[in-house]
C-alpha atoms as a PDB file:
ATOM      1  CA  MET A   1    -180.875-153.686-182.207  1.00  0.00           C
ATOM      2  CA  ALA A   2    -179.336-155.989-179.602  1.00  0.00           C
ATOM      3  CA  SER A   3    -178.650-154.521-176.187  1.00  0.00           C
ATOM      4  CA  LYS A   4    -175.109-154.321-174.937  1.00  0.00           C
ATOM      5  CA  ARG A   5    -174.258-156.345-171.846  1.00  0.00           C
ATOM      6  CA  ILE A   6    -171.477-156.206-169.303  1.00  0.00           C
ATOM      7  CA  THR A   7    -170.223-158.694-166.741  1.00  0.00           C
ATOM      8  CA  GLN A   8    -170.829-158.448-163.024  1.00  0.00           C
ATOM      9  CA  GLU A   9    -167.109-157.890-162.586  1.00  0.00           C
ATOM     10  CA  THR A  10    -167.195-154.861-164.914  1.00  0.00           C
ATOM     11  CA  PHE A  11    -170.094-153.343-162.997  1.00  0.00           C
ATOM     12  CA  ASP A  12    -168.398-153.989-159.637  1.00  0.00           C
ATOM     13  CA  ALA A  13    -165.172-152.402-160.904  1.00  0.00           C
ATOM     14  CA  ALA A  14    -167.073-149.265-161.952  1.00  0.00           C
ATOM     15  CA  VAL A  15    -168.703-149.066-158.516  1.00  0.00           C
ATOM     16  CA  ARG A  16    -165.326-149.537-156.783  1.00  0.00           C
ATOM     17  CA  GLU A  17    -163.814-146.827-158.971  1.00  0.00           C
ATOM     18  CA  ASN A  18    -166.615-144.426-158.045  1.00  0.00           C
ATOM     19  CA  ILE A  19    -166.022-145.147-154.353  1.00  0.00           C
ATOM     20  CA  GLU A  20    -162.228-144.980-154.448  1.00  0.00           C
ATOM     21  CA  GLU A  21    -161.522-142.327-157.074  1.00  0.00           C
ATOM     22  CA  PHE A  22    -164.489-140.020-156.590  1.00  0.00           C
ATOM     23  CA  GLU A  23    -165.035-140.625-152.860  1.00  0.00           C
ATOM     24  CA  MET A  24    -168.712-141.473-153.342  1.00  0.00           C
ATOM     25  CA  GLY A  25    -170.763-143.366-150.812  1.00  0.00           C
ATOM     26  CA  ALA A  26    -171.730-146.906-151.769  1.00  0.00           C
ATOM     27  CA  GLU A  27    -175.322-146.152-152.755  1.00  0.00           C
ATOM     28  CA  GLU A  28    -174.306-143.094-154.769  1.00  0.00           C
ATOM     29  CA  ALA A  29    -171.554-145.092-156.500  1.00  0.00           C
ATOM     30  CA  ILE A  30    -174.040-147.779-157.535  1.00  0.00           C
ATOM     31  CA  ARG A  31    -176.580-145.220-158.732  1.00  0.00           C
ATOM     32  CA  GLU A  32    -173.903-143.415-160.765  1.00  0.00           C
ATOM     33  CA  ALA A  33    -172.666-146.664-162.333  1.00  0.00           C
ATOM     34  CA  VAL A  34    -176.229-147.645-163.285  1.00  0.00           C
ATOM     35  CA  GLU A  35    -176.855-144.224-164.841  1.00  0.00           C
ATOM     36  CA  GLN A  36    -173.590-144.311-166.802  1.00  0.00           C
ATOM     37  CA  PHE A  37    -174.109-147.805-168.199  1.00  0.00           C
ATOM     38  CA  GLU A  38    -177.776-147.198-169.030  1.00  0.00           C
ATOM     39  CA  SER A  39    -176.867-143.958-170.842  1.00  0.00           C
ATOM     40  CA  GLN A  40    -174.580-146.087-173.037  1.00  0.00           C
ATOM     41  CA  GLY A  41    -177.430-148.487-173.845  1.00  0.00           C
ATOM     42  CA  VAL A  42    -176.170-151.301-171.624  1.00  0.00           C
ATOM     43  CA  ASP A  43    -178.744-153.865-170.475  1.00  0.00           C
ATOM     44  CA  LEU A  44    -178.238-154.295-166.715  1.00  0.00           C
ATOM     45  CA  SER A  45    -180.934-156.932-166.183  1.00  0.00           C
ATOM     46  CA  ASN A  46    -178.235-159.556-165.517  1.00  0.00           C
ATOM     47  CA  ILE A  47    -176.402-157.421-162.940  1.00  0.00           C
ATOM     48  CA  VAL A  48    -176.664-157.598-159.143  1.00  0.00           C
ATOM     49  CA  LYS A  49    -176.822-153.966-158.082  1.00  0.00           C
ATOM     50  CA  THR A  50    -175.593-154.140-154.492  1.00  0.00           C
ATOM     51  CA  VAL A  51    -172.472-152.953-152.748  1.00  0.00           C
ATOM     52  CA  PRO A  52    -169.620-155.447-153.236  1.00  0.00           C
ATOM     53  CA  LYS A  53    -168.671-157.101-149.952  1.00  0.00           C
ATOM     54  CA  VAL A  54    -165.387-156.290-148.298  1.00  0.00           C
ATOM     55  CA  SER A  55    -163.680-158.852-146.082  1.00  0.00           C
ATOM     56  CA  LEU A  56    -162.152-158.051-142.696  1.00  0.00           C
ATOM     57  CA  ASP A  57    -158.689-157.636-144.218  1.00  0.00           C
ATOM     58  CA  GLY A  58    -160.053-154.958-146.554  1.00  0.00           C
ATOM     59  CA  LEU A  59    -159.976-157.060-149.704  1.00  0.00           C
ATOM     60  CA  GLN A  60    -163.072-157.297-151.833  1.00  0.00           C
ATOM     61  CA  GLU A  61    -164.841-160.628-151.855  1.00  0.00           C
ATOM     62  CA  PRO A  62    -164.386-162.249-155.269  1.00  0.00           C
ATOM     63  CA  THR A  63    -168.069-162.426-156.219  1.00  0.00           C
ATOM     64  CA  HIS A  64    -171.577-161.700-155.023  1.00  0.00           C
ATOM     65  CA  ASP A  65    -173.465-164.426-153.150  1.00  0.00           C
ATOM     66  CA  VAL A  66    -175.678-165.131-156.172  1.00  0.00           C
ATOM     67  CA  LEU A  67    -172.659-165.706-158.396  1.00  0.00           C
ATOM     68  CA  GLN A  68    -170.989-167.878-155.742  1.00  0.00           C
ATOM     69  CA  VAL A  69    -174.068-170.119-155.586  1.00  0.00           C
ATOM     70  CA  GLY A  70    -174.108-170.344-159.378  1.00  0.00           C
ATOM     71  CA  ALA A  71    -170.447-171.359-159.373  1.00  0.00           C
ATOM     72  CA  MET A  72    -171.105-174.011-156.720  1.00  0.00           C
ATOM     73  CA  VAL A  73    -173.995-175.451-158.740  1.00  0.00           C
ATOM     74  CA  SER A  74    -171.873-175.508-161.873  1.00  0.00           C
ATOM     75  CA  GLN A  75    -168.993-177.138-160.014  1.00  0.00           C
ATOM     76  CA  SER A  76    -171.259-179.781-158.460  1.00  0.00           C
ATOM     77  CA  ARG A  77    -172.414-180.797-161.937  1.00  0.00           C
ATOM     78  CA  TRP A  78    -168.815-181.558-162.883  1.00  0.00           C
ATOM     79  CA  ASN A  79    -168.184-183.501-159.666  1.00  0.00           C
ATOM     80  CA  ASN A  80    -171.192-185.825-160.114  1.00  0.00           C
END
């Protein structure tokens, strides 16, 4: 049976929801999200499990550093 997968954005949204809606701390929100997805049989090996960054104006950064580097590499391939 193939494992289910989610995107980084889906994981980050679940963590944000735990923080905002359930007033969890960041580490607890991540732990809860991991437990919930794993209980549903989701493979999280492709997911960065850190607290999403928040900019000074309070808005969440669009992606984790790892995903930003991947996007830059992909973009540089198209520019060359």
